[in-house]
Structures are given as structure tokens and as C-alpha cells.
Amino acid sequence: MGPSSPPEAPDSSPVPDSPSVPDSPSVPDSPSVPDSSSVPDSAPLTGSDLAGRVALVAGGTRGAGRGIAVQLGAAGATVYVTGRTSGSERSEMDRPETIEETAALVDAAGGRGIAVQVDHLVPDQVSALVARISGEQGALHILVNDIWGAEIEWNKSVWESSLDTGLHTLRLAVDTHAITSHFALPLLIETPGGLVVEMTDGTDEYNAATYRVSFFYDLAKAAVNRMAFALAHELAPHSATAVALTPGWLRSEAMLQAHGVTEATWRDAIAHAPHFAISESPAYVGRAVAALARDPEVARWNGRSLSSGQLAQVYGFTDVDGSRPDAWRYLTEVQDAGLPADVTGYR
């Protein structure tokens, strides 16, 4: 994603190697990227790879959350899809996508989608959601914290920003993840092998060296990456894994609308936004989560900051067009370096 086209996150969100992992006996030291002999079958997930697994995609109304929910469904999982926008009520984002639509796409992909309207800032609603999952399924194997739904004030200092908007952004981007983890993780750790995915925008390495468009946005994304670090320590004794995961320049519904294109015609936007050529569909990061979920050795990633492009190189999955865009490496080596747009060798 580029400065000329601000990223949305997690409805959108680019590298390379993540920084070192926590220095603790409960979290593996900087695991090396496994060679192909140790990586599970890298073909796209199909059929019943995740049959019998239960996932909660918190913030699955649109964008990355919808892509993740659908790809988990394509692998056979039962997916609870939550968000504030339903067929009868819209959130403050005032967009048309609904949780029911996402659940229907999960069904169509081969899984079972269950839409539940939840405001993840309201503890009682999240507690009731987890109680429902426990009662209906008896287990939770995968938690994806992809909640956002915040207005972003671009390129404003902390004193220029609206304090109400900025603090509300932190509530939506940080508090929601903490509340959801507080209630969901006791159920998740009842079954060994659980996976928590904290969705964010930018790897630890990139964000540590790069100012991310505004004080509040920068702080929100750093906090979510740190959540995965902390959860890795707390979950490891329970044989569960936590990672932070970022998509690249995501072709979310809002991003496509901003560029006046559709998923079918997205390449038309390259004429006025050349670096958009590195963009990726929501299915790509969805396949990244599905690959992690079916990996029996997923604990090697515990505490790591990962990207969809990075994991595609390891697991072998592709985007819907058969390519493997590596947006964060591209952003660092091409776009931020001021070079002309050229995705050769990057997708």
C-alpha cells in the first residue's frame, strides 16, 4: 500500500522476515523458515482439511475478516462470523456488507457459517457469544481478532487530531481485541493446538522503522502486534499459538470503491495508482490463516509477526489469480525507495 493511497486496516492493509521472537523458554527462539520437506502439503485448502474445527472470526463483516472466514469455510471449518453490521442494522462505518452475507459465503465455500451480531466493545455481548459457541460446539480451535471499524484521520499529528476520534480508534482497535481474548481464550485452551491470529497492518519490522500515517493509527497497530507477543507467552504453556498477521495492499470492498473498480476489474486502477499492481485479494490472507490452522507444527511461529506474502512462500498457496504477491518486500524495496512501479519478482 502506498502513501498516495492510504491503507485501510484490517479491512486492508505489506515483509519479510519478522523480528526476533520473545526470549523466553515458553516461546521458541526465532524459528527458521522451514524447508519444503517440513511444510505440510501446500496446495490450496479444499474439502475437509479443517472439518470438525470451530473458528471465531471477530470482525468478519468485510475485507480481510470476510476473506479469512470464507477460506476457513473452504477448508471445512465451522465459522462464527461477528460484527456490528447485520441485515437490519449498520455500524458507524455505514457500509452495505453484512455478517449474514459473510456467513452465506462460508456456506457456499463448503463450511458452515454462523452470523452473530456482536459489538466487541460490550463485554456482556462477547461473553454471551463465547457461551453460545461453547454450548453449541463444545470447543473453540481458532480465534481471529480482526476487529477495527474505526474512522481514520490521515496525516494528522496528535494535537491536530480529534481527541474523541483518536481515543475511539484505540477503543475499537485495541480494547475490542483484549475483551474478545479475555472471554474466548479460556474456551480455546481447553483443546490443545489452539490458534490465535491478531490481524494488523504492517509487520513488526516495518512498523518499528516507519511512521504509520498518524499518532493514533500508528499506536493502534503497534499495540495489536504487541498483543500477539504477549499472548504467545501466555498461551504456550497451554499448547496454543498466537501470531500477528498482516495482509499487503488489500483489495477490500472500500479500497476497490475508492479506486472506482471491482475485484474483476481491479487492474484498471493501475493506470492512476501504479503501485496498486502489488495489491492482493482478501482470499490471499484468508489462505494464510487456513494454512496456519492446518499446520501441525504451527507452534514454530508462536509470537511471530507474519505477512500473507511471507507465508505464501512457505506454504505454497497463491492468490486467486495464481500469483504470490509479496507486498511488504515490494513496499520497502520499490515504493518507499521511490522507484517506478514494477512488480516483476514480487508476485
Protein backbone atom coordinates (compact mmCIF):
# COMPACT_ATOMS: atom_id res chain seq x y z
CA MET A 1 0.00 0.00 0.00
CA GLY A 2 1.32 3.39 -0.67
CA PRO A 3 1.33 6.89 0.65
CA SER A 4 -0.74 8.05 -2.31
CA SER A 5 -3.42 5.55 -1.42
CA PRO A 6 -3.72 5.24 2.35
CA PRO A 7 -4.13 1.71 3.64
CA GLU A 8 -7.18 0.60 5.45
CA ALA A 9 -6.63 -1.85 8.19
CA PRO A 10 -7.51 -4.56 8.86
CA ASP A 11 -10.03 -4.20 6.06
CA SER A 12 -6.89 -3.73 4.21
CA SER A 13 -3.55 -3.31 5.00
CA PRO A 14 2.94 -5.14 3.22
CA VAL A 15 7.84 -8.22 4.82
CA PRO A 16 9.97 -10.04 5.04
CA ASP A 17 11.49 -11.67 8.00
CA SER A 18 9.82 -10.86 11.24
CA PRO A 19 11.84 -9.59 14.14
CA SER A 20 13.16 -11.91 16.76
CA VAL A 21 10.70 -13.81 18.85
CA PRO A 22 10.30 -13.45 22.60
CA ASP A 23 13.32 -14.51 24.61
CA SER A 24 11.55 -16.96 26.83
CA PRO A 25 11.58 -20.71 27.36
CA SER A 26 7.84 -20.78 26.65
CA VAL A 27 8.25 -19.23 23.20
CA PRO A 28 10.57 -20.69 20.60
CA ASP A 29 13.66 -18.66 19.74
CA SER A 30 13.41 -17.14 16.30
CA PRO A 31 12.32 -20.23 14.41
CA SER A 32 13.83 -20.52 10.99
CA VAL A 33 11.56 -20.70 7.99
CA PRO A 34 11.02 -24.41 7.47
CA ASP A 35 12.27 -26.06 4.34
CA SER A 36 9.82 -27.64 1.96
CA SER A 37 10.29 -31.09 3.45
CA SER A 38 8.87 -29.94 6.78
CA VAL A 39 5.97 -27.95 5.39
CA PRO A 40 2.55 -29.58 5.05
CA ASP A 41 1.01 -30.05 1.62
CA SER A 42 0.95 -26.55 0.17
CA ALA A 43 -1.94 -26.98 -2.23
CA PRO A 44 -4.91 -24.66 -1.67
CA LEU A 45 -7.15 -25.89 1.12
CA THR A 46 -10.07 -27.91 -0.16
CA GLY A 47 -12.62 -30.33 1.16
CA SER A 48 -12.41 -31.17 4.84
CA ASP A 49 -8.90 -30.18 5.94
CA LEU A 50 -10.44 -28.36 8.89
CA ALA A 51 -13.63 -30.40 9.29
CA GLY A 52 -14.60 -30.52 12.94
CA ARG A 53 -12.67 -27.33 13.74
CA VAL A 54 -14.51 -24.31 15.13
CA ALA A 55 -13.36 -20.78 14.37
CA LEU A 56 -14.42 -17.36 15.56
CA VAL A 57 -13.65 -14.57 13.12
CA ALA A 58 -14.30 -11.47 15.19
CA GLY A 59 -14.80 -8.63 12.76
CA GLY A 60 -15.75 -10.73 9.76
CA THR A 61 -18.19 -8.40 8.06
CA ARG A 62 -15.93 -7.40 5.20
CA GLY A 63 -12.35 -7.08 4.00
CA ALA A 64 -9.70 -9.35 5.47
CA GLY A 65 -12.12 -10.80 8.02
CA ARG A 66 -14.52 -11.91 5.32
CA GLY A 67 -11.67 -13.38 3.26
CA ILE A 68 -10.43 -15.34 6.27
CA ALA A 69 -13.86 -16.64 7.19
CA VAL A 70 -14.53 -17.84 3.65
CA GLN A 71 -11.19 -19.61 3.32
CA LEU A 72 -11.62 -21.35 6.67
CA GLY A 73 -15.04 -22.44 5.41
CA ALA A 74 -13.49 -23.70 2.19
CA ALA A 75 -11.35 -25.96 4.35
CA GLY A 76 -14.42 -27.37 6.08
CA ALA A 77 -14.45 -25.36 9.32
CA THR A 78 -17.45 -24.11 11.24
CA VAL A 79 -17.02 -20.35 11.37
CA TYR A 80 -18.74 -17.91 13.70
CA VAL A 81 -18.74 -14.53 11.97
CA THR A 82 -19.25 -11.49 14.15
CA GLY A 83 -19.58 -7.78 13.56
CA ARG A 84 -21.92 -4.88 14.14
CA THR A 85 -23.48 -4.66 10.70
CA SER A 86 -26.33 -7.06 10.03
CA GLY A 87 -29.15 -7.07 7.55
CA SER A 88 -31.19 -4.93 9.93
CA GLU A 89 -28.61 -2.52 11.30
CA ARG A 90 -25.43 -0.78 10.12
CA SER A 91 -22.44 0.20 12.21
CA GLU A 92 -20.89 3.66 12.20
CA MET A 93 -18.91 2.56 9.13
CA ASP A 94 -22.21 2.80 7.23
CA ARG A 95 -21.25 0.21 4.63
CA PRO A 96 -23.57 -2.32 2.97
CA GLU A 97 -21.67 -5.54 3.72
CA THR A 98 -23.25 -7.71 6.44
CA ILE A 99 -22.26 -10.60 8.67
CA GLU A 100 -25.07 -12.65 7.15
CA GLU A 101 -23.53 -12.24 3.69
CA THR A 102 -20.19 -13.46 5.01
CA ALA A 103 -21.79 -16.47 6.68
CA ALA A 104 -23.57 -17.34 3.42
CA LEU A 105 -20.23 -17.17 1.58
CA VAL A 106 -18.74 -19.54 4.17
CA ASP A 107 -21.58 -21.98 3.49
CA ALA A 108 -21.11 -21.67 -0.26
CA ALA A 109 -17.40 -22.38 0.13
CA GLY A 110 -18.13 -25.68 1.86
CA GLY A 111 -18.07 -24.79 5.54
CA ARG A 112 -20.72 -23.77 8.00
CA GLY A 113 -21.13 -20.06 8.59
CA ILE A 114 -22.91 -18.72 11.66
CA ALA A 115 -23.54 -14.97 11.82
CA VAL A 116 -23.81 -13.36 15.26
CA GLN A 117 -24.24 -9.62 15.69
CA VAL A 118 -21.78 -8.52 18.37
CA ASP A 119 -20.31 -5.22 19.47
CA HIS A 120 -16.92 -6.34 20.76
CA LEU A 121 -16.67 -3.25 22.95
CA VAL A 122 -19.52 -4.63 25.08
CA PRO A 123 -18.19 -7.33 27.42
CA ASP A 124 -21.60 -8.87 28.07
CA GLN A 125 -22.16 -9.41 24.35
CA VAL A 126 -18.76 -11.07 23.90
CA SER A 127 -19.29 -13.23 26.99
CA ALA A 128 -22.67 -14.36 25.62
CA LEU A 129 -21.10 -15.13 22.24
CA VAL A 130 -18.46 -17.40 23.76
CA ALA A 131 -21.06 -19.10 25.95
CA ARG A 132 -23.09 -19.78 22.81
CA ILE A 133 -20.08 -21.25 20.99
CA SER A 134 -19.32 -23.44 23.99
CA GLY A 135 -22.90 -24.62 24.23
CA GLU A 136 -23.32 -25.30 20.51
CA GLN A 137 -19.87 -26.65 19.65
CA GLY A 138 -18.17 -27.57 22.91
CA ALA A 139 -14.86 -26.13 21.73
CA LEU A 140 -13.10 -23.24 20.01
CA HIS A 141 -9.98 -24.02 17.98
CA ILE A 142 -9.25 -20.80 16.08
CA LEU A 143 -9.69 -17.17 17.13
CA VAL A 144 -9.11 -14.42 14.58
CA ASN A 145 -9.17 -10.94 16.09
CA ASP A 146 -9.83 -8.73 13.07
CA ILE A 147 -11.98 -6.07 14.71
CA TRP A 148 -11.50 -2.49 13.55
CA GLY A 149 -14.39 -0.42 12.22
CA ALA A 150 -12.76 2.90 13.04
CA GLU A 151 -12.61 6.24 11.28
CA ILE A 152 -9.03 7.16 10.39
CA GLU A 153 -7.68 10.71 10.39
CA TRP A 154 -4.81 10.61 7.92
CA ASN A 155 -1.57 12.53 8.27
CA LYS A 156 -2.51 14.46 11.39
CA SER A 157 -0.32 14.98 14.43
CA VAL A 158 -1.71 14.11 17.84
CA TRP A 159 -2.50 17.79 18.52
CA GLU A 160 -4.22 18.22 15.16
CA SER A 161 -6.33 15.08 15.54
CA SER A 162 -9.77 14.98 17.04
CA LEU A 163 -9.23 13.59 20.53
CA ASP A 164 -12.64 11.94 20.53
CA THR A 165 -11.91 10.25 17.18
CA GLY A 166 -8.41 9.19 18.20
CA LEU A 167 -9.40 7.69 21.53
CA HIS A 168 -12.36 5.96 19.91
CA THR A 169 -9.96 4.48 17.34
CA LEU A 170 -7.89 2.98 20.15
CA ARG A 171 -11.02 1.59 21.79
CA LEU A 172 -12.15 -0.06 18.56
CA ALA A 173 -8.70 -1.30 17.53
CA VAL A 174 -7.25 -2.36 20.89
CA ASP A 175 -9.91 -2.75 23.57
CA THR A 176 -12.08 -4.95 21.34
CA HIS A 177 -9.21 -7.42 20.84
CA ALA A 178 -8.46 -7.53 24.57
CA ILE A 179 -12.11 -8.04 25.51
CA THR A 180 -12.55 -10.81 22.97
CA SER A 181 -9.40 -12.62 24.05
CA HIS A 182 -10.39 -12.33 27.72
CA PHE A 183 -13.60 -14.23 27.14
CA ALA A 184 -12.65 -16.55 24.26
CA LEU A 185 -9.28 -17.89 25.34
CA PRO A 186 -10.46 -19.95 28.34
CA LEU A 187 -12.56 -21.96 25.87
CA LEU A 188 -9.80 -22.13 23.27
CA ILE A 189 -7.17 -23.52 25.65
CA GLU A 190 -9.44 -26.39 26.68
CA THR A 191 -8.30 -28.11 23.48
CA PRO A 192 -4.55 -28.36 22.79
CA GLY A 193 -3.37 -26.91 19.49
CA GLY A 194 -5.42 -23.72 19.50
CA LEU A 195 -4.51 -20.80 17.24
CA VAL A 196 -4.96 -17.06 17.81
CA VAL A 197 -4.40 -14.68 14.91
CA GLU A 198 -4.11 -10.97 15.68
CA MET A 199 -4.81 -9.14 12.44
CA THR A 200 -2.91 -5.90 11.97
CA ASP A 201 -1.36 -3.62 9.35
CA GLY A 202 2.38 -3.96 8.91
CA THR A 203 4.99 -6.33 10.27
CA ASP A 204 6.84 -5.51 13.47
CA GLU A 205 9.96 -4.87 11.41
CA TYR A 206 8.28 -2.42 9.07
CA ASN A 207 6.28 -0.61 11.74
CA ALA A 208 9.27 -0.25 14.05
CA ALA A 209 11.05 1.85 11.43
CA THR A 210 8.10 3.57 9.76
CA TYR A 211 5.66 6.24 10.94
CA ARG A 212 2.20 4.91 10.13
CA VAL A 213 0.19 7.93 8.92
CA SER A 214 -0.97 9.32 12.28
CA PHE A 215 -0.29 9.08 16.02
CA PHE A 216 -3.42 7.09 16.80
CA TYR A 217 -3.20 4.72 13.83
CA ASP A 218 0.48 4.07 14.49
CA LEU A 219 -0.19 3.35 18.16
CA ALA A 220 -3.14 1.06 17.40
CA LYS A 221 -1.19 -1.13 15.01
CA ALA A 222 1.85 -1.35 17.28
CA ALA A 223 -0.43 -2.39 20.16
CA VAL A 224 -2.01 -5.22 18.19
CA ASN A 225 1.38 -6.60 17.18
CA ARG A 226 2.42 -6.49 20.82
CA MET A 227 -0.74 -8.35 21.81
CA ALA A 228 0.39 -11.34 19.77
CA PHE A 229 3.78 -11.20 21.52
CA ALA A 230 2.16 -11.22 24.97
CA LEU A 231 -0.41 -13.87 24.10
CA ALA A 232 2.37 -16.12 22.80
CA HIS A 233 3.88 -16.22 26.28
CA GLU A 234 0.55 -16.82 27.98
CA LEU A 235 -0.71 -19.47 25.55
CA ALA A 236 2.46 -21.54 25.09
CA PRO A 237 2.02 -23.49 28.37
CA HIS A 238 -1.43 -24.48 27.10
CA SER A 239 -0.11 -25.79 23.76
CA ALA A 240 -1.68 -22.89 21.88
CA THR A 241 -0.11 -20.46 19.43
CA ALA A 242 -0.53 -16.72 18.85
CA VAL A 243 0.73 -14.77 15.84
CA ALA A 244 0.30 -11.32 14.37
CA LEU A 245 -0.61 -11.36 10.69
CA THR A 246 -0.80 -8.56 8.15
CA PRO A 247 -2.14 -8.64 4.61
CA GLY A 248 -0.48 -6.49 1.98
CA TRP A 249 -2.27 -3.81 -0.04
CA LEU A 250 -5.69 -5.34 0.40
CA ARG A 251 -8.40 -5.06 -2.23
CA SER A 252 -11.15 -4.68 0.33
CA GLU A 253 -14.60 -3.54 -0.69
CA ALA A 254 -13.82 0.01 0.44
CA MET A 255 -10.46 0.07 -1.34
CA LEU A 256 -12.00 -1.11 -4.60
CA GLN A 257 -14.72 1.50 -4.26
CA ALA A 258 -12.15 4.23 -3.59
CA HIS A 259 -10.39 3.33 -6.84
CA GLY A 260 -13.62 3.02 -8.81
CA VAL A 261 -13.07 -0.64 -9.72
CA THR A 262 -14.33 -4.10 -8.81
CA GLU A 263 -12.44 -7.27 -8.00
CA ALA A 264 -12.92 -8.31 -11.61
CA THR A 265 -11.57 -5.00 -12.97
CA TRP A 266 -9.03 -4.05 -10.28
CA ARG A 267 -6.16 -3.81 -12.76
CA ASP A 268 -7.85 -0.76 -14.30
CA ALA A 269 -6.81 1.17 -11.18
CA ILE A 270 -3.12 0.68 -12.00
CA ALA A 271 -3.42 3.47 -14.60
CA HIS A 272 -3.82 6.10 -11.86
CA ALA A 273 -2.19 4.18 -8.96
CA PRO A 274 0.71 2.20 -10.50
CA HIS A 275 1.79 0.54 -7.24
CA PHE A 276 -1.71 -0.94 -6.92
CA ALA A 277 -0.26 -3.67 -9.14
CA ILE A 278 1.07 -5.35 -5.97
CA SER A 279 -2.35 -5.49 -4.32
CA GLU A 280 -3.95 -8.72 -3.17
CA SER A 281 -7.43 -10.10 -2.68
CA PRO A 282 -8.85 -10.86 0.79
CA ALA A 283 -8.70 -14.56 -0.12
CA TYR A 284 -4.90 -14.40 0.00
CA VAL A 285 -4.63 -13.58 3.68
CA GLY A 286 -7.54 -15.97 4.25
CA ARG A 287 -5.46 -18.77 2.75
CA ALA A 288 -2.60 -17.74 5.02
CA VAL A 289 -4.78 -18.24 8.10
CA ALA A 290 -6.13 -21.53 6.78
CA ALA A 291 -2.57 -22.76 6.14
CA LEU A 292 -1.57 -21.89 9.69
CA ALA A 293 -4.68 -23.58 11.06
CA ARG A 294 -3.94 -26.89 9.37
CA ASP A 295 -0.20 -26.89 10.16
CA PRO A 296 0.56 -29.46 12.89
CA GLU A 297 3.77 -27.56 13.61
CA VAL A 298 2.17 -24.12 13.83
CA ALA A 299 3.78 -23.57 17.25
CA ARG A 300 7.05 -22.78 15.45
CA TRP A 301 5.50 -19.41 14.60
CA ASN A 302 4.47 -18.58 18.17
CA GLY A 303 4.97 -14.89 18.90
CA ARG A 304 5.96 -14.06 15.33
CA SER A 305 4.88 -11.13 13.20
CA LEU A 306 3.94 -12.56 9.81
CA SER A 307 2.63 -11.42 6.43
CA SER A 308 0.47 -13.12 3.82
CA GLY A 309 3.25 -12.84 1.23
CA GLN A 310 5.80 -14.35 3.59
CA LEU A 311 3.58 -17.33 4.44
CA ALA A 312 2.74 -17.91 0.77
CA GLN A 313 6.43 -18.57 0.15
CA VAL A 314 6.48 -21.12 2.97
CA TYR A 315 3.17 -22.92 2.46
CA GLY A 316 2.87 -22.55 -1.30
CA PHE A 317 -0.65 -21.12 -1.51
CA THR A 318 -1.48 -18.43 -4.06
CA ASP A 319 -3.85 -15.54 -4.50
CA VAL A 320 -6.94 -16.07 -6.63
CA ASP A 321 -5.03 -15.19 -9.80
CA GLY A 322 -2.33 -17.78 -9.12
CA SER A 323 0.30 -15.23 -8.09
CA ARG A 324 2.11 -14.78 -4.76
CA PRO A 325 2.32 -11.02 -4.11
CA ASP A 326 4.93 -10.06 -1.51
CA ALA A 327 3.66 -6.58 -0.79
CA TRP A 328 5.78 -5.65 2.23
CA ARG A 329 9.03 -6.53 0.50
CA TYR A 330 7.82 -4.58 -2.54
CA LEU A 331 6.85 -1.60 -0.42
CA THR A 332 10.29 -1.47 1.18
CA GLU A 333 12.39 -2.14 -1.90
CA VAL A 334 10.37 -0.38 -4.60
CA GLN A 335 7.67 2.01 -3.46
CA ASP A 336 9.31 3.52 -0.38
CA ALA A 337 12.58 3.64 -2.30
CA GLY A 338 10.94 5.91 -4.87
CA LEU A 339 11.36 3.51 -7.77
CA PRO A 340 8.89 3.18 -10.64
CA ALA A 341 6.16 0.61 -10.15
CA ASP A 342 7.33 -2.81 -11.29
CA VAL A 343 6.08 -5.98 -9.62
CA THR A 344 8.48 -8.27 -11.50
CA GLY A 345 9.84 -10.68 -8.93
CA TYR A 346 7.33 -9.58 -6.30
CA ARG A 347 4.20 -11.51 -7.33
